[in-house]
Amino acid sequence: MNRRIDTAMTWMKAPPERIYQAFLDKEELVKWLPPEGMSARAPVFEPWIGGVYQLVLTYEKEDMASGKTTAQTDVSNGRFVELVPGQKIVQIGTFDSTDPDFAGEMVQTWYLEALDGGTRVTIVCENVPSGIRKQDHDAGLRSTLDNLAHYLTND
């Protein structure tokens, strides 16, 4: 089993409750979640403990494409395992891929901590599949956090 853990953290000027809402509202999530150069949709989205989801991330430019599911897409299926309003979101997901380097369940935990008039947001990804290059994952996590901060400032 892969034991790699990737993390990213940032502070943003928004209360934890607002960030939590932006994560659990499907229409908001697909606007800020995809890293730069990608778009998202959520054909299945049940934001409650035990609820399932499917996220489809699409590469917008063919020259950027290195999808895990198809050349242009990453599809992940998962479930919500812990939801603490304004504090914590834990989900477990798998990539829809025939490549064994992307197999296994990745646990993604979002911590929201009120701090200095805003929120420190920390993402911890456990059991990151070996097919995801660390530098690419770090850049993707950073981009997602930047997108969320930008989305909430222009909200």
C-alpha atoms as a PDB file:
ATOM      1  CA  MET A   1       0.000   0.000   0.000  1.00  0.00           C
ATOM      2  CA  ASN A   2       1.194   3.479  -0.841  1.00  0.00           C
ATOM      3  CA  ARG A   3       1.804   5.552   2.277  1.00  0.00           C
ATOM      4  CA  ARG A   4       2.653   8.869   0.624  1.00  0.00           C
ATOM      5  CA  ILE A   5       1.080  11.941   2.202  1.00  0.00           C
ATOM      6  CA  ASP A   6       0.866  15.273   0.378  1.00  0.00           C
ATOM      7  CA  THR A   7      -0.273  18.451   2.128  1.00  0.00           C
ATOM      8  CA  ALA A   8      -0.972  22.068   1.305  1.00  0.00           C
ATOM      9  CA  MET A   9      -1.979  24.967   3.518  1.00  0.00           C
ATOM     10  CA  THR A  10      -3.017  28.587   3.151  1.00  0.00           C
ATOM     11  CA  TRP A  11      -4.808  31.348   5.006  1.00  0.00           C
ATOM     12  CA  MET A  12      -7.775  33.084   3.452  1.00  0.00           C
ATOM     13  CA  LYS A  13      -9.965  35.960   4.470  1.00  0.00           C
ATOM     14  CA  ALA A  14     -13.237  34.070   4.834  1.00  0.00           C
ATOM     15  CA  PRO A  15     -14.878  32.475   7.851  1.00  0.00           C
ATOM     16  CA  PRO A  16     -14.635  28.671   8.209  1.00  0.00           C
ATOM     17  CA  GLU A  17     -18.408  28.310   7.832  1.00  0.00           C
ATOM     18  CA  ARG A  18     -18.331  30.029   4.426  1.00  0.00           C
ATOM     19  CA  ILE A  19     -15.503  27.802   3.192  1.00  0.00           C
ATOM     20  CA  TYR A  20     -17.364  24.726   4.428  1.00  0.00           C
ATOM     21  CA  GLN A  21     -20.458  25.873   2.512  1.00  0.00           C
ATOM     22  CA  ALA A  22     -18.427  26.446  -0.675  1.00  0.00           C
ATOM     23  CA  PHE A  23     -17.154  22.889  -0.422  1.00  0.00           C
ATOM     24  CA  LEU A  24     -20.514  21.197   0.165  1.00  0.00           C
ATOM     25  CA  ASP A  25     -22.501  23.125  -2.459  1.00  0.00           C
ATOM     26  CA  LYS A  26     -22.065  21.341  -5.794  1.00  0.00           C
ATOM     27  CA  GLU A  27     -22.594  24.480  -7.893  1.00  0.00           C
ATOM     28  CA  GLU A  28     -19.890  26.330  -5.958  1.00  0.00           C
ATOM     29  CA  LEU A  29     -17.484  23.382  -5.764  1.00  0.00           C
ATOM     30  CA  VAL A  30     -17.222  22.914  -9.535  1.00  0.00           C
ATOM     31  CA  LYS A  31     -16.338  26.613  -9.926  1.00  0.00           C
ATOM     32  CA  TRP A  32     -13.311  26.676  -7.605  1.00  0.00           C
ATOM     33  CA  LEU A  33     -12.082  23.084  -7.220  1.00  0.00           C
ATOM     34  CA  PRO A  34     -10.414  22.365 -10.556  1.00  0.00           C
ATOM     35  CA  PRO A  35      -6.728  23.255 -10.787  1.00  0.00           C
ATOM     36  CA  GLU A  36      -5.730  25.804 -13.407  1.00  0.00           C
ATOM     37  CA  GLY A  37      -6.251  24.506 -16.932  1.00  0.00           C
ATOM     38  CA  MET A  38      -9.094  22.180 -15.958  1.00  0.00           C
ATOM     39  CA  SER A  39     -12.865  22.361 -15.591  1.00  0.00           C
ATOM     40  CA  ALA A  40     -15.090  20.254 -13.348  1.00  0.00           C
ATOM     41  CA  ARG A  41     -18.521  18.758 -13.097  1.00  0.00           C
ATOM     42  CA  ALA A  42     -20.101  16.592 -10.418  1.00  0.00           C
ATOM     43  CA  PRO A  43     -22.680  14.200 -11.911  1.00  0.00           C
ATOM     44  CA  VAL A  44     -23.186  12.630  -8.460  1.00  0.00           C
ATOM     45  CA  PHE A  45     -22.878  14.699  -5.287  1.00  0.00           C
ATOM     46  CA  GLU A  46     -24.369  13.681  -1.927  1.00  0.00           C
ATOM     47  CA  PRO A  47     -22.695  15.909   0.713  1.00  0.00           C
ATOM     48  CA  TRP A  48     -23.583  14.016   3.868  1.00  0.00           C
ATOM     49  CA  ILE A  49     -21.812  11.353   5.913  1.00  0.00           C
ATOM     50  CA  GLY A  50     -21.962   8.168   3.863  1.00  0.00           C
ATOM     51  CA  GLY A  51     -22.987  10.127   0.753  1.00  0.00           C
ATOM     52  CA  VAL A  52     -21.174   9.429  -2.487  1.00  0.00           C
ATOM     53  CA  TYR A  53     -19.792  11.665  -5.200  1.00  0.00           C
ATOM     54  CA  GLN A  54     -18.321  11.523  -8.664  1.00  0.00           C
ATOM     55  CA  LEU A  55     -16.089  14.328  -9.892  1.00  0.00           C
ATOM     56  CA  VAL A  56     -15.052  14.680 -13.504  1.00  0.00           C
ATOM     57  CA  LEU A  57     -12.078  16.967 -14.145  1.00  0.00           C
ATOM     58  CA  THR A  58     -11.418  17.789 -17.795  1.00  0.00           C
ATOM     59  CA  TYR A  59      -8.191  19.164 -19.238  1.00  0.00           C
ATOM     60  CA  GLU A  60      -9.122  22.228 -21.269  1.00  0.00           C
ATOM     61  CA  LYS A  61      -6.114  22.084 -23.634  1.00  0.00           C
ATOM     62  CA  GLU A  62      -5.009  18.920 -25.392  1.00  0.00           C
ATOM     63  CA  ASP A  63      -1.327  19.710 -24.924  1.00  0.00           C
ATOM     64  CA  MET A  64      -1.866  19.659 -21.131  1.00  0.00           C
ATOM     65  CA  ALA A  65      -3.716  16.346 -21.190  1.00  0.00           C
ATOM     66  CA  SER A  66      -2.431  13.504 -19.089  1.00  0.00           C
ATOM     67  CA  GLY A  67      -5.714  12.161 -17.776  1.00  0.00           C
ATOM     68  CA  LYS A  68      -6.009   9.162 -15.530  1.00  0.00           C
ATOM     69  CA  THR A  69      -9.368   7.986 -16.922  1.00  0.00           C
ATOM     70  CA  THR A  70      -9.117   9.129 -20.551  1.00  0.00           C
ATOM     71  CA  ALA A  71      -6.532  11.311 -22.282  1.00  0.00           C
ATOM     72  CA  GLN A  72      -8.587  14.392 -21.359  1.00  0.00           C
ATOM     73  CA  THR A  73     -10.258  13.473 -18.041  1.00  0.00           C
ATOM     74  CA  ASP A  74      -9.729  12.426 -14.459  1.00  0.00           C
ATOM     75  CA  VAL A  75     -12.796  10.787 -12.933  1.00  0.00           C
ATOM     76  CA  SER A  76     -12.866  10.102  -9.220  1.00  0.00           C
ATOM     77  CA  ASN A  77     -15.556   8.359  -7.212  1.00  0.00           C
ATOM     78  CA  GLY A  78     -15.774   8.558  -3.476  1.00  0.00           C
ATOM     79  CA  ARG A  79     -17.710   9.009  -0.308  1.00  0.00           C
ATOM     80  CA  PHE A  80     -17.904  11.464   2.552  1.00  0.00           C
ATOM     81  CA  VAL A  81     -16.783   9.823   5.798  1.00  0.00           C
ATOM     82  CA  GLU A  82     -16.677  12.752   8.236  1.00  0.00           C
ATOM     83  CA  LEU A  83     -18.245  16.206   8.150  1.00  0.00           C
ATOM     84  CA  VAL A  84     -17.799  18.662  11.004  1.00  0.00           C
ATOM     85  CA  PRO A  85     -19.469  21.961  10.016  1.00  0.00           C
ATOM     86  CA  GLY A  86     -16.964  24.779   9.746  1.00  0.00           C
ATOM     87  CA  GLN A  87     -14.082  22.543  10.849  1.00  0.00           C
ATOM     88  CA  LYS A  88     -13.388  19.383   8.880  1.00  0.00           C
ATOM     89  CA  ILE A  89     -14.295  17.423   5.748  1.00  0.00           C
ATOM     90  CA  VAL A  90     -12.994  13.879   5.185  1.00  0.00           C
ATOM     91  CA  GLN A  91     -13.573  12.004   1.983  1.00  0.00           C
ATOM     92  CA  ILE A  92     -12.203   8.798   0.496  1.00  0.00           C
ATOM     93  CA  GLY A  93     -11.877   8.560  -3.251  1.00  0.00           C
ATOM     94  CA  THR A  94     -10.592   6.341  -6.014  1.00  0.00           C
ATOM     95  CA  PHE A  95      -9.643   7.205  -9.574  1.00  0.00           C
ATOM     96  CA  ASP A  96     -11.522   5.551 -12.402  1.00  0.00           C
ATOM     97  CA  SER A  97      -8.442   4.170 -14.167  1.00  0.00           C
ATOM     98  CA  THR A  98      -7.164   0.874 -15.505  1.00  0.00           C
ATOM     99  CA  ASP A  99      -3.582   1.920 -14.686  1.00  0.00           C
ATOM    100  CA  PRO A 100      -2.487   0.210 -11.441  1.00  0.00           C
ATOM    101  CA  ASP A 101      -0.349   3.269 -10.598  1.00  0.00           C
ATOM    102  CA  PHE A 102      -3.596   5.141  -9.890  1.00  0.00           C
ATOM    103  CA  ALA A 103      -5.283   2.354  -7.915  1.00  0.00           C
ATOM    104  CA  GLY A 104      -6.231   2.468  -4.258  1.00  0.00           C
ATOM    105  CA  GLU A 105      -8.205   4.728  -1.990  1.00  0.00           C
ATOM    106  CA  MET A 106      -6.874   8.198  -1.274  1.00  0.00           C
ATOM    107  CA  VAL A 107      -8.088   9.875   1.901  1.00  0.00           C
ATOM    108  CA  GLN A 108      -8.445  13.635   1.611  1.00  0.00           C
ATOM    109  CA  THR A 109      -8.985  15.684   4.766  1.00  0.00           C
ATOM    110  CA  TRP A 110      -9.721  19.406   4.739  1.00  0.00           C
ATOM    111  CA  TYR A 111      -9.128  21.201   8.036  1.00  0.00           C
ATOM    112  CA  LEU A 112     -10.662  24.639   8.581  1.00  0.00           C
ATOM    113  CA  GLU A 113      -9.300  26.650  11.499  1.00  0.00           C
ATOM    114  CA  ALA A 114     -10.466  30.172  12.386  1.00  0.00           C
ATOM    115  CA  LEU A 115      -7.332  32.309  12.607  1.00  0.00           C
ATOM    116  CA  ASP A 116      -6.590  36.042  12.552  1.00  0.00           C
ATOM    117  CA  GLY A 117      -9.968  37.117  11.172  1.00  0.00           C
ATOM    118  CA  GLY A 118      -9.963  34.437   8.473  1.00  0.00           C
ATOM    119  CA  THR A 119      -9.331  30.727   8.120  1.00  0.00           C
ATOM    120  CA  ARG A 120      -6.286  28.523   7.814  1.00  0.00           C
ATOM    121  CA  VAL A 121      -7.194  25.807   5.309  1.00  0.00           C
ATOM    122  CA  THR A 122      -5.097  22.648   5.315  1.00  0.00           C
ATOM    123  CA  ILE A 123      -5.496  19.749   2.884  1.00  0.00           C
ATOM    124  CA  VAL A 124      -3.960  16.397   3.827  1.00  0.00           C
ATOM    125  CA  CYS A 125      -3.993  13.676   1.164  1.00  0.00           C
ATOM    126  CA  GLU A 126      -3.081  10.200   2.428  1.00  0.00           C
ATOM    127  CA  ASN A 127      -2.236   7.136   0.323  1.00  0.00           C
ATOM    128  CA  VAL A 128      -1.593   9.248  -2.771  1.00  0.00           C
ATOM    129  CA  PRO A 129      -1.350   6.892  -5.769  1.00  0.00           C
ATOM    130  CA  SER A 130       2.199   6.476  -7.044  1.00  0.00           C
ATOM    131  CA  GLY A 131       1.123   7.504 -10.550  1.00  0.00           C
ATOM    132  CA  ILE A 132       0.535  11.070  -9.347  1.00  0.00           C
ATOM    133  CA  ARG A 133       3.861  12.875  -9.439  1.00  0.00           C
ATOM    134  CA  LYS A 134       4.464  14.741  -6.208  1.00  0.00           C
ATOM    135  CA  GLN A 135       5.366  18.020  -7.905  1.00  0.00           C
ATOM    136  CA  ASP A 136       2.186  17.850 -10.036  1.00  0.00           C
ATOM    137  CA  HIS A 137       0.028  17.075  -7.007  1.00  0.00           C
ATOM    138  CA  ASP A 138       1.601  19.870  -4.959  1.00  0.00           C
ATOM    139  CA  ALA A 139       0.971  22.323  -7.820  1.00  0.00           C
ATOM    140  CA  GLY A 140      -2.624  21.101  -8.182  1.00  0.00           C
ATOM    141  CA  LEU A 141      -3.347  21.425  -4.459  1.00  0.00           C
ATOM    142  CA  ARG A 142      -1.828  24.928  -4.411  1.00  0.00           C
ATOM    143  CA  SER A 143      -3.875  25.928  -7.462  1.00  0.00           C
ATOM    144  CA  THR A 144      -7.079  24.631  -5.861  1.00  0.00           C
ATOM    145  CA  LEU A 145      -6.429  26.601  -2.655  1.00  0.00           C
ATOM    146  CA  ASP A 146      -5.654  29.733  -4.679  1.00  0.00           C
ATOM    147  CA  ASN A 147      -8.866  29.227  -6.686  1.00  0.00           C
ATOM    148  CA  LEU A 148     -10.907  28.889  -3.490  1.00  0.00           C
ATOM    149  CA  ALA A 149      -9.406  32.032  -1.973  1.00  0.00           C
ATOM    150  CA  HIS A 150     -10.016  33.970  -5.203  1.00  0.00           C
ATOM    151  CA  TYR A 151     -13.571  32.612  -5.516  1.00  0.00           C
ATOM    152  CA  LEU A 152     -14.455  33.636  -1.960  1.00  0.00           C
ATOM    153  CA  THR A 153     -12.935  37.124  -2.318  1.00  0.00           C
ATOM    154  CA  ASN A 154     -15.011  37.768  -5.440  1.00  0.00           C
ATOM    155  CA  ASP A 155     -18.097  36.152  -3.934  1.00  0.00           C
END
